[in-house]
Amino acid sequence: MAQKYQILQGVVTEAGQTVKMFDNLDKDYGYLTGVSVVDLYGYKAEISHSSIDGKELFPRGFDVLFIQTNNFVNPSERFFGLEGIEAKGKRIDMEFKDGGIAQYPYTIKIFLRLENKPKNGN
């Protein structure tokens, strides 16, 4: 199964800052099957908004802890799984709100896993 990883990133310069990120998902891949943040941003960090072509992905105020992982987790298990989310060149928008406990500045990176088949194998 073909996979590709795409990265959304932005720079956080101060505590509590909200960073807006967007991109078009690769048109050659059919589905967004996973999302991951491979770093520790604390329990107060959140995805304050997320959408694909205007359709909500995560609810507003979604805790980053749900998609956060670290280097001690097997790379194949680092992604928060998603099902039935079409990619096919659609625009993805995310807003990351800093939790106020990091060293500044830092770069937030949100990793997106794209595949040609949906996660459930259909």
PDB file of N, CA and C in Angstrom:
ATOM      1  N   MET A   1       0.850  -1.180   0.000  1.00  0.00           N
ATOM      2  CA  MET A   1       0.000   0.000   0.000  1.00  0.00           C
ATOM      3  C   MET A   1       0.891   1.236   0.000  1.00  0.00           C
ATOM      4  N   ALA A   2       0.626   2.155  -0.896  1.00  0.00           N
ATOM      5  CA  ALA A   2       1.410   3.382  -0.998  1.00  0.00           C
ATOM      6  C   ALA A   2       1.070   4.331   0.152  1.00  0.00           C
ATOM      7  N   GLN A   3       2.116   4.869   0.760  1.00  0.00           N
ATOM      8  CA  GLN A   3       1.968   5.845   1.847  1.00  0.00           C
ATOM      9  C   GLN A   3       2.837   7.048   1.554  1.00  0.00           C
ATOM     10  N   LYS A   4       2.396   8.175   2.085  1.00  0.00           N
ATOM     11  CA  LYS A   4       3.184   9.393   2.017  1.00  0.00           C
ATOM     12  C   LYS A   4       2.963  10.155   3.314  1.00  0.00           C
ATOM     13  N   TYR A   5       3.977  10.871   3.749  1.00  0.00           N
ATOM     14  CA  TYR A   5       3.860  11.701   4.944  1.00  0.00           C
ATOM     15  C   TYR A   5       4.008  13.156   4.528  1.00  0.00           C
ATOM     16  N   GLN A   6       3.095  13.965   4.995  1.00  0.00           N
ATOM     17  CA  GLN A   6       3.095  15.388   4.708  1.00  0.00           C
ATOM     18  C   GLN A   6       3.186  16.112   6.046  1.00  0.00           C
ATOM     19  N   ILE A   7       3.801  17.283   6.072  1.00  0.00           N
ATOM     20  CA  ILE A   7       4.007  18.008   7.335  1.00  0.00           C
ATOM     21  C   ILE A   7       3.399  19.400   7.243  1.00  0.00           C
ATOM     22  N   LEU A   8       2.626  19.750   8.280  1.00  0.00           N
ATOM     23  CA  LEU A   8       2.194  21.129   8.488  1.00  0.00           C
ATOM     24  C   LEU A   8       3.097  21.687   9.568  1.00  0.00           C
ATOM     25  N   GLN A   9       3.602  22.891   9.415  1.00  0.00           N
ATOM     26  CA  GLN A   9       4.458  23.447  10.457  1.00  0.00           C
ATOM     27  C   GLN A   9       4.314  24.951  10.571  1.00  0.00           C
ATOM     28  N   GLY A  10       4.622  25.439  11.766  1.00  0.00           N
ATOM     29  CA  GLY A  10       4.579  26.862  12.046  1.00  0.00           C
ATOM     30  C   GLY A  10       5.463  27.173  13.239  1.00  0.00           C
ATOM     31  N   VAL A  11       5.823  28.433  13.399  1.00  0.00           N
ATOM     32  CA  VAL A  11       6.717  28.845  14.486  1.00  0.00           C
ATOM     33  C   VAL A  11       5.903  29.496  15.597  1.00  0.00           C
ATOM     34  N   VAL A  12       6.142  29.024  16.824  1.00  0.00           N
ATOM     35  CA  VAL A  12       5.515  29.589  18.021  1.00  0.00           C
ATOM     36  C   VAL A  12       6.576  30.436  18.712  1.00  0.00           C
ATOM     37  N   THR A  13       6.279  31.720  18.903  1.00  0.00           N
ATOM     38  CA  THR A  13       7.277  32.631  19.476  1.00  0.00           C
ATOM     39  C   THR A  13       6.977  33.048  20.907  1.00  0.00           C
ATOM     40  N   GLU A  14       5.736  32.807  21.371  1.00  0.00           N
ATOM     41  CA  GLU A  14       5.389  33.235  22.728  1.00  0.00           C
ATOM     42  C   GLU A  14       4.291  32.344  23.313  1.00  0.00           C
ATOM     43  N   ALA A  15       4.198  32.346  24.622  1.00  0.00           N
ATOM     44  CA  ALA A  15       3.222  31.525  25.343  1.00  0.00           C
ATOM     45  C   ALA A  15       1.800  31.880  24.936  1.00  0.00           C
ATOM     46  N   GLY A  16       0.991  30.835  24.718  1.00  0.00           N
ATOM     47  CA  GLY A  16      -0.414  31.025  24.408  1.00  0.00           C
ATOM     48  C   GLY A  16      -0.717  31.406  22.969  1.00  0.00           C
ATOM     49  N   GLN A  17       0.309  31.513  22.136  1.00  0.00           N
ATOM     50  CA  GLN A  17       0.128  31.928  20.749  1.00  0.00           C
ATOM     51  C   GLN A  17      -0.643  30.873  19.956  1.00  0.00           C
ATOM     52  N   THR A  18      -1.474  31.321  19.015  1.00  0.00           N
ATOM     53  CA  THR A  18      -2.151  30.434  18.076  1.00  0.00           C
ATOM     54  C   THR A  18      -1.466  30.560  16.719  1.00  0.00           C
ATOM     55  N   VAL A  19      -1.099  29.415  16.142  1.00  0.00           N
ATOM     56  CA  VAL A  19      -0.411  29.370  14.858  1.00  0.00           C
ATOM     57  C   VAL A  19      -1.343  28.724  13.842  1.00  0.00           C
ATOM     58  N   LYS A  20      -1.569  29.415  12.729  1.00  0.00           N
ATOM     59  CA  LYS A  20      -2.412  28.893  11.661  1.00  0.00           C
ATOM     60  C   LYS A  20      -1.534  28.235  10.606  1.00  0.00           C
ATOM     61  N   MET A  21      -1.919  27.028  10.197  1.00  0.00           N
ATOM     62  CA  MET A  21      -1.179  26.283   9.182  1.00  0.00           C
ATOM     63  C   MET A  21      -2.167  25.754   8.151  1.00  0.00           C
ATOM     64  N   PHE A  22      -1.739  25.677   6.898  1.00  0.00           N
ATOM     65  CA  PHE A  22      -2.596  25.099   5.867  1.00  0.00           C
ATOM     66  C   PHE A  22      -1.749  24.570   4.732  1.00  0.00           C
ATOM     67  N   ASP A  23      -2.340  23.667   3.964  1.00  0.00           N
ATOM     68  CA  ASP A  23      -1.688  23.117   2.778  1.00  0.00           C
ATOM     69  C   ASP A  23      -2.752  22.354   1.994  1.00  0.00           C
ATOM     70  N   ASN A  24      -2.419  21.981   0.775  1.00  0.00           N
ATOM     71  CA  ASN A  24      -3.268  21.076   0.010  1.00  0.00           C
ATOM     72  C   ASN A  24      -2.699  19.675   0.170  1.00  0.00           C
ATOM     73  N   LEU A  25      -3.559  18.731   0.511  1.00  0.00           N
ATOM     74  CA  LEU A  25      -3.122  17.347   0.623  1.00  0.00           C
ATOM     75  C   LEU A  25      -2.754  16.846  -0.772  1.00  0.00           C
ATOM     76  N   ASP A  26      -1.796  15.944  -0.841  1.00  0.00           N
ATOM     77  CA  ASP A  26      -1.308  15.444  -2.124  1.00  0.00           C
ATOM     78  C   ASP A  26      -2.460  14.856  -2.939  1.00  0.00           C
ATOM     79  N   LYS A  27      -2.614  15.316  -4.166  1.00  0.00           N
ATOM     80  CA  LYS A  27      -3.725  14.892  -5.022  1.00  0.00           C
ATOM     81  C   LYS A  27      -3.592  13.437  -5.471  1.00  0.00           C
ATOM     82  N   ASP A  28      -2.384  12.868  -5.351  1.00  0.00           N
ATOM     83  CA  ASP A  28      -2.160  11.491  -5.777  1.00  0.00           C
ATOM     84  C   ASP A  28      -2.475  10.461  -4.692  1.00  0.00           C
ATOM     85  N   TYR A  29      -2.944  10.920  -3.533  1.00  0.00           N
ATOM     86  CA  TYR A  29      -3.284  10.016  -2.436  1.00  0.00           C
ATOM     87  C   TYR A  29      -4.742  10.214  -2.065  1.00  0.00           C
ATOM     88  N   GLY A  30      -5.440   9.102  -1.874  1.00  0.00           N
ATOM     89  CA  GLY A  30      -6.876   9.144  -1.685  1.00  0.00           C
ATOM     90  C   GLY A  30      -7.354   9.491  -0.290  1.00  0.00           C
ATOM     91  N   TYR A  31      -6.584   9.126   0.744  1.00  0.00           N
ATOM     92  CA  TYR A  31      -7.092   9.250   2.107  1.00  0.00           C
ATOM     93  C   TYR A  31      -6.053   9.773   3.102  1.00  0.00           C
ATOM     94  N   LEU A  32      -6.534  10.555   4.045  1.00  0.00           N
ATOM     95  CA  LEU A  32      -5.760  10.940   5.212  1.00  0.00           C
ATOM     96  C   LEU A  32      -6.080   9.893   6.272  1.00  0.00           C
ATOM     97  N   THR A  33      -5.080   9.089   6.659  1.00  0.00           N
ATOM     98  CA  THR A  33      -5.337   7.967   7.569  1.00  0.00           C
ATOM     99  C   THR A  33      -4.745   8.151   8.962  1.00  0.00           C
ATOM    100  N   GLY A  34      -3.972   9.210   9.173  1.00  0.00           N
ATOM    101  CA  GLY A  34      -3.407   9.424  10.491  1.00  0.00           C
ATOM    102  C   GLY A  34      -2.819  10.809  10.662  1.00  0.00           C
ATOM    103  N   VAL A  35      -2.785  11.247  11.936  1.00  0.00           N
ATOM    104  CA  VAL A  35      -2.224  12.545  12.318  1.00  0.00           C
ATOM    105  C   VAL A  35      -1.361  12.323  13.549  1.00  0.00           C
ATOM    106  N   SER A  36      -0.226  13.010  13.610  1.00  0.00           N
ATOM    107  CA  SER A  36       0.669  12.842  14.750  1.00  0.00           C
ATOM    108  C   SER A  36       1.461  14.117  15.027  1.00  0.00           C
ATOM    109  N   VAL A  37       1.725  14.348  16.299  1.00  0.00           N
ATOM    110  CA  VAL A  37       2.635  15.399  16.748  1.00  0.00           C
ATOM    111  C   VAL A  37       3.724  14.681  17.540  1.00  0.00           C
ATOM    112  N   VAL A  38       4.960  14.682  17.005  1.00  0.00           N
ATOM    113  CA  VAL A  38       6.039  13.919  17.628  1.00  0.00           C
ATOM    114  C   VAL A  38       6.891  14.844  18.483  1.00  0.00           C
ATOM    115  N   ASP A  39       6.333  15.264  19.590  1.00  0.00           N
ATOM    116  CA  ASP A  39       7.040  16.088  20.556  1.00  0.00           C
ATOM    117  C   ASP A  39       6.115  16.282  21.742  1.00  0.00           C
ATOM    118  N   LEU A  40       6.630  16.847  22.794  1.00  0.00           N
ATOM    119  CA  LEU A  40       5.830  17.053  23.996  1.00  0.00           C
ATOM    120  C   LEU A  40       5.543  18.543  24.174  1.00  0.00           C
ATOM    121  N   TYR A  41       4.299  18.937  23.984  1.00  0.00           N
ATOM    122  CA  TYR A  41       3.905  20.341  24.079  1.00  0.00           C
ATOM    123  C   TYR A  41       3.053  20.627  25.306  1.00  0.00           C
ATOM    124  N   GLY A  42       2.881  19.636  26.161  1.00  0.00           N
ATOM    125  CA  GLY A  42       2.161  19.863  27.404  1.00  0.00           C
ATOM    126  C   GLY A  42       0.675  19.596  27.325  1.00  0.00           C
ATOM    127  N   TYR A  43       0.061  19.560  28.475  1.00  0.00           N
ATOM    128  CA  TYR A  43      -1.347  19.189  28.566  1.00  0.00           C
ATOM    129  C   TYR A  43      -2.297  20.322  28.208  1.00  0.00           C
ATOM    130  N   LYS A  44      -1.822  21.543  28.059  1.00  0.00           N
ATOM    131  CA  LYS A  44      -2.711  22.665  27.744  1.00  0.00           C
ATOM    132  C   LYS A  44      -2.730  23.017  26.253  1.00  0.00           C
ATOM    133  N   ALA A  45      -1.847  22.429  25.467  1.00  0.00           N
ATOM    134  CA  ALA A  45      -1.817  22.714  24.028  1.00  0.00           C
ATOM    135  C   ALA A  45      -3.049  22.105  23.370  1.00  0.00           C
ATOM    136  N   GLU A  46      -3.563  22.777  22.334  1.00  0.00           N
ATOM    137  CA  GLU A  46      -4.769  22.276  21.678  1.00  0.00           C
ATOM    138  C   GLU A  46      -4.775  22.597  20.184  1.00  0.00           C
ATOM    139  N   ILE A  47      -5.565  21.820  19.464  1.00  0.00           N
ATOM    140  CA  ILE A  47      -5.891  22.137  18.082  1.00  0.00           C
ATOM    141  C   ILE A  47      -7.173  22.954  18.188  1.00  0.00           C
ATOM    142  N   SER A  48      -7.056  24.260  18.037  1.00  0.00           N
ATOM    143  CA  SER A  48      -8.212  25.132  18.255  1.00  0.00           C
ATOM    144  C   SER A  48      -9.162  25.129  17.071  1.00  0.00           C
ATOM    145  N   HIS A  49      -8.675  24.714  15.893  1.00  0.00           N
ATOM    146  CA  HIS A  49      -9.525  24.594  14.709  1.00  0.00           C
ATOM    147  C   HIS A  49      -8.841  23.652  13.732  1.00  0.00           C
ATOM    148  N   SER A  50      -9.626  22.821  13.043  1.00  0.00           N
ATOM    149  CA  SER A  50      -9.083  21.966  11.991  1.00  0.00           C
ATOM    150  C   SER A  50     -10.193  21.637  11.005  1.00  0.00           C
ATOM    151  N   SER A  51      -9.837  21.658   9.720  1.00  0.00           N
ATOM    152  CA  SER A  51     -10.831  21.318   8.704  1.00  0.00           C
ATOM    153  C   SER A  51     -10.159  20.862   7.421  1.00  0.00           C
ATOM    154  N   ILE A  52     -10.906  20.088   6.649  1.00  0.00           N
ATOM    155  CA  ILE A  52     -10.494  19.691   5.305  1.00  0.00           C
ATOM    156  C   ILE A  52     -11.577  20.179   4.363  1.00  0.00           C
ATOM    157  N   ASP A  53     -11.201  21.084   3.468  1.00  0.00           N
ATOM    158  CA  ASP A  53     -12.150  21.735   2.559  1.00  0.00           C
ATOM    159  C   ASP A  53     -13.366  22.278   3.308  1.00  0.00           C
ATOM    160  N   GLY A  54     -13.109  22.868   4.478  1.00  0.00           N
ATOM    161  CA  GLY A  54     -14.173  23.495   5.266  1.00  0.00           C
ATOM    162  C   GLY A  54     -14.949  22.561   6.165  1.00  0.00           C
ATOM    163  N   LYS A  55     -14.721  21.254   6.061  1.00  0.00           N
ATOM    164  CA  LYS A  55     -15.420  20.273   6.908  1.00  0.00           C
ATOM    165  C   LYS A  55     -14.562  19.968   8.135  1.00  0.00           C
ATOM    166  N   GLU A  56     -15.155  20.112   9.312  1.00  0.00           N
ATOM    167  CA  GLU A  56     -14.426  19.931  10.570  1.00  0.00           C
ATOM    168  C   GLU A  56     -13.759  18.560  10.646  1.00  0.00           C
ATOM    169  N   LEU A  57     -12.482  18.551  11.057  1.00  0.00           N
ATOM    170  CA  LEU A  57     -11.730  17.308  11.250  1.00  0.00           C
ATOM    171  C   LEU A  57     -11.774  16.900  12.717  1.00  0.00           C
ATOM    172  N   PHE A  58     -11.269  17.763  13.599  1.00  0.00           N
ATOM    173  CA  PHE A  58     -11.338  17.550  15.044  1.00  0.00           C
ATOM    174  C   PHE A  58     -12.229  18.634  15.632  1.00  0.00           C
ATOM    175  N   PRO A  59     -12.893  18.355  16.754  1.00  0.00           N
ATOM    176  CA  PRO A  59     -13.707  19.411  17.366  1.00  0.00           C
ATOM    177  C   PRO A  59     -12.829  20.564  17.855  1.00  0.00           C
ATOM    178  N   ARG A  60     -13.398  21.757  17.934  1.00  0.00           N
ATOM    179  CA  ARG A  60     -12.658  22.927  18.437  1.00  0.00           C
ATOM    180  C   ARG A  60     -12.144  22.631  19.850  1.00  0.00           C
ATOM    181  N   GLY A  61     -10.905  23.060  20.109  1.00  0.00           N
ATOM    182  CA  GLY A  61     -10.311  22.844  21.424  1.00  0.00           C
ATOM    183  C   GLY A  61      -9.833  21.419  21.655  1.00  0.00           C
ATOM    184  N   PHE A  62      -9.569  20.666  20.593  1.00  0.00           N
ATOM    185  CA  PHE A  62      -9.133  19.266  20.688  1.00  0.00           C
ATOM    186  C   PHE A  62      -7.747  19.208  21.336  1.00  0.00           C
ATOM    187  N   ASP A  63      -7.620  18.468  22.441  1.00  0.00           N
ATOM    188  CA  ASP A  63      -6.347  18.368  23.164  1.00  0.00           C
ATOM    189  C   ASP A  63      -5.273  17.701  22.318  1.00  0.00           C
ATOM    190  N   VAL A  64      -4.116  18.342  22.215  1.00  0.00           N
ATOM    191  CA  VAL A  64      -2.996  17.791  21.464  1.00  0.00           C
ATOM    192  C   VAL A  64      -2.536  16.468  22.064  1.00  0.00           C
ATOM    193  N   LEU A  65      -2.785  16.255  23.342  1.00  0.00           N
ATOM    194  CA  LEU A  65      -2.387  14.996  23.977  1.00  0.00           C
ATOM    195  C   LEU A  65      -2.927  13.771  23.240  1.00  0.00           C
ATOM    196  N   PHE A  66      -4.071  13.888  22.583  1.00  0.00           N
ATOM    197  CA  PHE A  66      -4.643  12.751  21.856  1.00  0.00           C
ATOM    198  C   PHE A  66      -3.832  12.364  20.632  1.00  0.00           C
ATOM    199  N   ILE A  67      -3.104  13.287  20.034  1.00  0.00           N
ATOM    200  CA  ILE A  67      -2.331  12.992  18.827  1.00  0.00           C
ATOM    201  C   ILE A  67      -0.824  13.110  19.060  1.00  0.00           C
ATOM    202  N   GLN A  68      -0.431  13.364  20.298  1.00  0.00           N
ATOM    203  CA  GLN A  68       0.973  13.571  20.650  1.00  0.00           C
ATOM    204  C   GLN A  68       1.646  12.234  20.925  1.00  0.00           C
ATOM    205  N   THR A  69       2.871  12.095  20.459  1.00  0.00           N
ATOM    206  CA  THR A  69       3.654  10.890  20.705  1.00  0.00           C
ATOM    207  C   THR A  69       5.109  11.299  20.908  1.00  0.00           C
ATOM    208  N   ASN A  70       6.004  10.323  21.025  1.00  0.00           N
ATOM    209  CA  ASN A  70       7.418  10.655  21.214  1.00  0.00           C
ATOM    210  C   ASN A  70       8.298   9.609  20.552  1.00  0.00           C
ATOM    211  N   ASN A  71       9.600   9.781  20.673  1.00  0.00           N
ATOM    212  CA  ASN A  71      10.572   8.905  20.012  1.00  0.00           C
ATOM    213  C   ASN A  71      10.606   7.493  20.577  1.00  0.00           C
ATOM    214  N   PHE A  72       9.981   7.258  21.720  1.00  0.00           N
ATOM    215  CA  PHE A  72       9.993   5.933  22.327  1.00  0.00           C
ATOM    216  C   PHE A  72       8.872   5.034  21.800  1.00  0.00           C
ATOM    217  N   VAL A  73       7.979   5.588  21.002  1.00  0.00           N
ATOM    218  CA  VAL A  73       6.879   4.830  20.404  1.00  0.00           C
ATOM    219  C   VAL A  73       7.329   4.332  19.035  1.00  0.00           C
ATOM    220  N   ASN A  74       7.012   3.077  18.727  1.00  0.00           N
ATOM    221  CA  ASN A  74       7.339   2.486  17.440  1.00  0.00           C
ATOM    222  C   ASN A  74       6.818   3.407  16.330  1.00  0.00           C
ATOM    223  N   PRO A  75       7.638   3.765  15.334  1.00  0.00           N
ATOM    224  CA  PRO A  75       7.198   4.688  14.283  1.00  0.00           C
ATOM    225  C   PRO A  75       5.884   4.288  13.608  1.00  0.00           C
ATOM    226  N   SER A  76       5.628   3.010  13.435  1.00  0.00           N
ATOM    227  CA  SER A  76       4.386   2.583  12.775  1.00  0.00           C
ATOM    228  C   SER A  76       3.159   2.762  13.671  1.00  0.00           C
ATOM    229  N   GLU A  77       3.369   3.070  14.949  1.00  0.00           N
ATOM    230  CA  GLU A  77       2.258   3.238  15.894  1.00  0.00           C
ATOM    231  C   GLU A  77       2.104   4.671  16.387  1.00  0.00           C
ATOM    232  N   ARG A  78       2.787   5.615  15.776  1.00  0.00           N
ATOM    233  CA  ARG A  78       2.796   7.001  16.247  1.00  0.00           C
ATOM    234  C   ARG A  78       1.602   7.836  15.787  1.00  0.00           C
ATOM    235  N   PHE A  79       0.730   7.291  14.975  1.00  0.00           N
ATOM    236  CA  PHE A  79      -0.333   8.102  14.391  1.00  0.00           C
ATOM    237  C   PHE A  79      -1.690   7.843  15.032  1.00  0.00           C
ATOM    238  N   PHE A  80      -2.421   8.936  15.262  1.00  0.00           N
ATOM    239  CA  PHE A  80      -3.825   8.877  15.671  1.00  0.00           C
ATOM    240  C   PHE A  80      -4.581   8.497  14.402  1.00  0.00           C
ATOM    241  N   GLY A  81      -5.210   7.316  14.397  1.00  0.00           N
ATOM    242  CA  GLY A  81      -5.848   6.801  13.196  1.00  0.00           C
ATOM    243  C   GLY A  81      -7.134   7.523  12.824  1.00  0.00           C
ATOM    244  N   LEU A  82      -7.308   7.709  11.522  1.00  0.00           N
ATOM    245  CA  LEU A  82      -8.520   8.319  10.970  1.00  0.00           C
ATOM    246  C   LEU A  82      -9.082   7.378   9.911  1.00  0.00           C
ATOM    247  N   GLU A  83     -10.402   7.374   9.749  1.00  0.00           N
ATOM    248  CA  GLU A  83     -11.039   6.530   8.747  1.00  0.00           C
ATOM    249  C   GLU A  83     -11.957   7.358   7.873  1.00  0.00           C
ATOM    250  N   GLY A  84     -11.941   7.062   6.585  1.00  0.00           N
ATOM    251  CA  GLY A  84     -12.878   7.665   5.656  1.00  0.00           C
ATOM    252  C   GLY A  84     -12.673   9.144   5.371  1.00  0.00           C
ATOM    253  N   ILE A  85     -11.470   9.676   5.615  1.00  0.00           N
ATOM    254  CA  ILE A  85     -11.185  11.090   5.371  1.00  0.00           C
ATOM    255  C   ILE A  85     -10.499  11.209   4.009  1.00  0.00           C
ATOM    256  N   GLU A  86     -11.222  11.683   3.002  1.00  0.00           N
ATOM    257  CA  GLU A  86     -10.652  11.810   1.666  1.00  0.00           C
ATOM    258  C   GLU A  86      -9.604  12.919   1.616  1.00  0.00           C
ATOM    259  N   ALA A  87      -8.507  12.643   0.917  1.00  0.00           N
ATOM    260  CA  ALA A  87      -7.433  13.629   0.729  1.00  0.00           C
ATOM    261  C   ALA A  87      -7.581  14.250  -0.658  1.00  0.00           C
ATOM    262  N   LYS A  88      -7.080  13.575  -1.693  1.00  0.00           N
ATOM    263  CA  LYS A  88      -7.252  13.933  -3.105  1.00  0.00           C
ATOM    264  C   LYS A  88      -7.096  15.423  -3.404  1.00  0.00           C
ATOM    265  N   GLY A  89      -6.058  16.047  -2.862  1.00  0.00           N
ATOM    266  CA  GLY A  89      -5.772  17.449  -3.163  1.00  0.00           C
ATOM    267  C   GLY A  89      -6.582  18.459  -2.376  1.00  0.00           C
ATOM    268  N   LYS A  90      -7.365  18.004  -1.408  1.00  0.00           N
ATOM    269  CA  LYS A  90      -8.190  18.929  -0.626  1.00  0.00           C
ATOM    270  C   LYS A  90      -7.316  19.780   0.291  1.00  0.00           C
ATOM    271  N   ARG A  91      -7.825  20.954   0.621  1.00  0.00           N
ATOM    272  CA  ARG A  91      -7.104  21.878   1.510  1.00  0.00           C
ATOM    273  C   ARG A  91      -7.331  21.470   2.967  1.00  0.00           C
ATOM    274  N   ILE A  92      -6.228  21.423   3.729  1.00  0.00           N
ATOM    275  CA  ILE A  92      -6.312  21.164   5.155  1.00  0.00           C
ATOM    276  C   ILE A  92      -5.876  22.420   5.899  1.00  0.00           C
ATOM    277  N   ASP A  93      -6.649  22.803   6.893  1.00  0.00           N
ATOM    278  CA  ASP A  93      -6.355  23.954   7.746  1.00  0.00           C
ATOM    279  C   ASP A  93      -6.297  23.485   9.194  1.00  0.00           C
ATOM    280  N   MET A  94      -5.289  23.940   9.922  1.00  0.00           N
ATOM    281  CA  MET A  94      -5.190  23.644  11.351  1.00  0.00           C
ATOM    282  C   MET A  94      -4.693  24.870  12.088  1.00  0.00           C
ATOM    283  N   GLU A  95      -5.214  25.053  13.289  1.00  0.00           N
ATOM    284  CA  GLU A  95      -4.728  26.086  14.199  1.00  0.00           C
ATOM    285  C   GLU A  95      -4.276  25.393  15.473  1.00  0.00           C
ATOM    286  N   PHE A  96      -3.013  25.615  15.808  1.00  0.00           N
ATOM    287  CA  PHE A  96      -2.422  25.058  17.024  1.00  0.00           C
ATOM    288  C   PHE A  96      -2.324  26.169  18.049  1.00  0.00           C
ATOM    289  N   LYS A  97      -2.845  25.925  19.256  1.00  0.00           N
ATOM    290  CA  LYS A  97      -2.735  26.903  20.332  1.00  0.00           C
ATOM    291  C   LYS A  97      -1.749  26.381  21.374  1.00  0.00           C
ATOM    292  N   ASP A  98      -0.701  27.143  21.589  1.00  0.00           N
ATOM    293  CA  ASP A  98       0.347  26.776  22.535  1.00  0.00           C
ATOM    294  C   ASP A  98      -0.207  26.722  23.959  1.00  0.00           C
ATOM    295  N   GLY A  99       0.305  25.768  24.733  1.00  0.00           N
ATOM    296  CA  GLY A  99      -0.139  25.593  26.107  1.00  0.00           C
ATOM    297  C   GLY A  99       0.609  26.419  27.138  1.00  0.00           C
ATOM    298  N   GLY A 100       1.659  27.128  26.722  1.00  0.00           N
ATOM    299  CA  GLY A 100       2.346  28.042  27.629  1.00  0.00           C
ATOM    300  C   GLY A 100       3.429  27.453  28.502  1.00  0.00           C
ATOM    301  N   ILE A 101       3.939  26.251  28.159  1.00  0.00           N
ATOM    302  CA  ILE A 101       4.973  25.669  29.027  1.00  0.00           C
ATOM    303  C   ILE A 101       6.219  25.219  28.254  1.00  0.00           C
ATOM    304  N   ALA A 102       6.467  25.811  27.090  1.00  0.00           N
ATOM    305  CA  ALA A 102       7.611  25.430  26.265  1.00  0.00           C
ATOM    306  C   ALA A 102       8.704  26.486  26.325  1.00  0.00           C
ATOM    307  N   GLN A 103       9.830  26.195  25.688  1.00  0.00           N
ATOM    308  CA  GLN A 103      10.869  27.196  25.489  1.00  0.00           C
ATOM    309  C   GLN A 103      10.643  27.808  24.114  1.00  0.00           C
ATOM    310  N   TYR A 104      10.696  29.106  24.036  1.00  0.00           N
ATOM    311  CA  TYR A 104      10.356  29.827  22.807  1.00  0.00           C
ATOM    312  C   TYR A 104      11.592  30.440  22.171  1.00  0.00           C
ATOM    313  N   PRO A 105      11.635  30.537  20.863  1.00  0.00           N
ATOM    314  CA  PRO A 105      10.657  30.040  19.896  1.00  0.00           C
ATOM    315  C   PRO A 105      10.855  28.545  19.642  1.00  0.00           C
ATOM    316  N   TYR A 106       9.823  27.906  19.082  1.00  0.00           N
ATOM    317  CA  TYR A 106       9.934  26.518  18.636  1.00  0.00           C
ATOM    318  C   TYR A 106       9.049  26.327  17.409  1.00  0.00           C
ATOM    319  N   THR A 107       9.311  25.265  16.686  1.00  0.00           N
ATOM    320  CA  THR A 107       8.526  24.943  15.489  1.00  0.00           C
ATOM    321  C   THR A 107       7.605  23.779  15.796  1.00  0.00           C
ATOM    322  N   ILE A 108       6.308  24.000  15.634  1.00  0.00           N
ATOM    323  CA  ILE A 108       5.334  22.921  15.773  1.00  0.00           C
ATOM    324  C   ILE A 108       5.242  22.208  14.427  1.00  0.00           C
ATOM    325  N   LYS A 109       5.311  20.885  14.464  1.00  0.00           N
ATOM    326  CA  LYS A 109       5.168  20.080  13.251  1.00  0.00           C
ATOM    327  C   LYS A 109       4.045  19.072  13.477  1.00  0.00           C
ATOM    328  N   ILE A 110       3.090  19.088  12.559  1.00  0.00           N
ATOM    329  CA  ILE A 110       1.991  18.127  12.597  1.00  0.00           C
ATOM    330  C   ILE A 110       2.153  17.226  11.379  1.00  0.00           C
ATOM    331  N   PHE A 111       2.344  15.935  11.633  1.00  0.00           N
ATOM    332  CA  PHE A 111       2.594  14.964  10.574  1.00  0.00           C
ATOM    333  C   PHE A 111       1.271  14.343  10.133  1.00  0.00           C
ATOM    334  N   LEU A 112       1.106  14.246   8.816  1.00  0.00           N
ATOM    335  CA  LEU A 112      -0.108  13.693   8.216  1.00  0.00           C
ATOM    336  C   LEU A 112       0.278  12.444   7.432  1.00  0.00           C
ATOM    337  N   ARG A 113      -0.431  11.335   7.673  1.00  0.00           N
ATOM    338  CA  ARG A 113      -0.174  10.098   6.920  1.00  0.00           C
ATOM    339  C   ARG A 113      -1.244   9.965   5.839  1.00  0.00           C
ATOM    340  N   LEU A 114      -0.797   9.873   4.588  1.00  0.00           N
ATOM    341  CA  LEU A 114      -1.690   9.724   3.439  1.00  0.00           C
ATOM    342  C   LEU A 114      -1.513   8.340   2.840  1.00  0.00           C
ATOM    343  N   GLU A 115      -2.626   7.740   2.404  1.00  0.00           N
ATOM    344  CA  GLU A 115      -2.585   6.416   1.782  1.00  0.00           C
ATOM    345  C   GLU A 115      -3.574   6.377   0.629  1.00  0.00           C
ATOM    346  N   ASN A 116      -3.419   5.369  -0.230  1.00  0.00           N
ATOM    347  CA  ASN A 116      -4.329   5.238  -1.357  1.00  0.00           C
ATOM    348  C   ASN A 116      -5.557   4.408  -1.032  1.00  0.00           C
ATOM    349  N   LYS A 117      -5.538   3.685   0.060  1.00  0.00           N
ATOM    350  CA  LYS A 117      -6.706   2.917   0.492  1.00  0.00           C
ATOM    351  C   LYS A 117      -7.141   3.438   1.849  1.00  0.00           C
ATOM    352  N   PRO A 118      -8.445   3.418   2.121  1.00  0.00           N
ATOM    353  CA  PRO A 118      -8.900   3.851   3.452  1.00  0.00           C
ATOM    354  C   PRO A 118      -8.357   2.910   4.521  1.00  0.00           C
ATOM    355  N   LYS A 119      -8.246   3.416   5.741  1.00  0.00           N
ATOM    356  CA  LYS A 119      -7.667   2.665   6.854  1.00  0.00           C
ATOM    357  C   LYS A 119      -8.370   1.338   7.084  1.00  0.00           C
ATOM    358  N   ASN A 120      -9.681   1.282   6.889  1.00  0.00           N
ATOM    359  CA  ASN A 120     -10.420   0.060   7.161  1.00  0.00           C
ATOM    360  C   ASN A 120     -10.278  -0.968   6.031  1.00  0.00           C
ATOM    361  N   GLY A 121      -9.498  -0.651   4.975  1.00  0.00           N
ATOM    362  CA  GLY A 121      -9.186  -1.605   3.924  1.00  0.00           C
ATOM    363  C   GLY A 121     -10.191  -1.676   2.792  1.00  0.00           C
ATOM    364  N   ASN A 122     -11.218  -0.856   2.798  1.00  0.00           N
ATOM    365  CA  ASN A 122     -12.220  -0.894   1.712  1.00  0.00           C
ATOM    366  C   ASN A 122     -11.684  -0.275   0.444  1.00  0.00           C
TER     367      ASN A 122
END
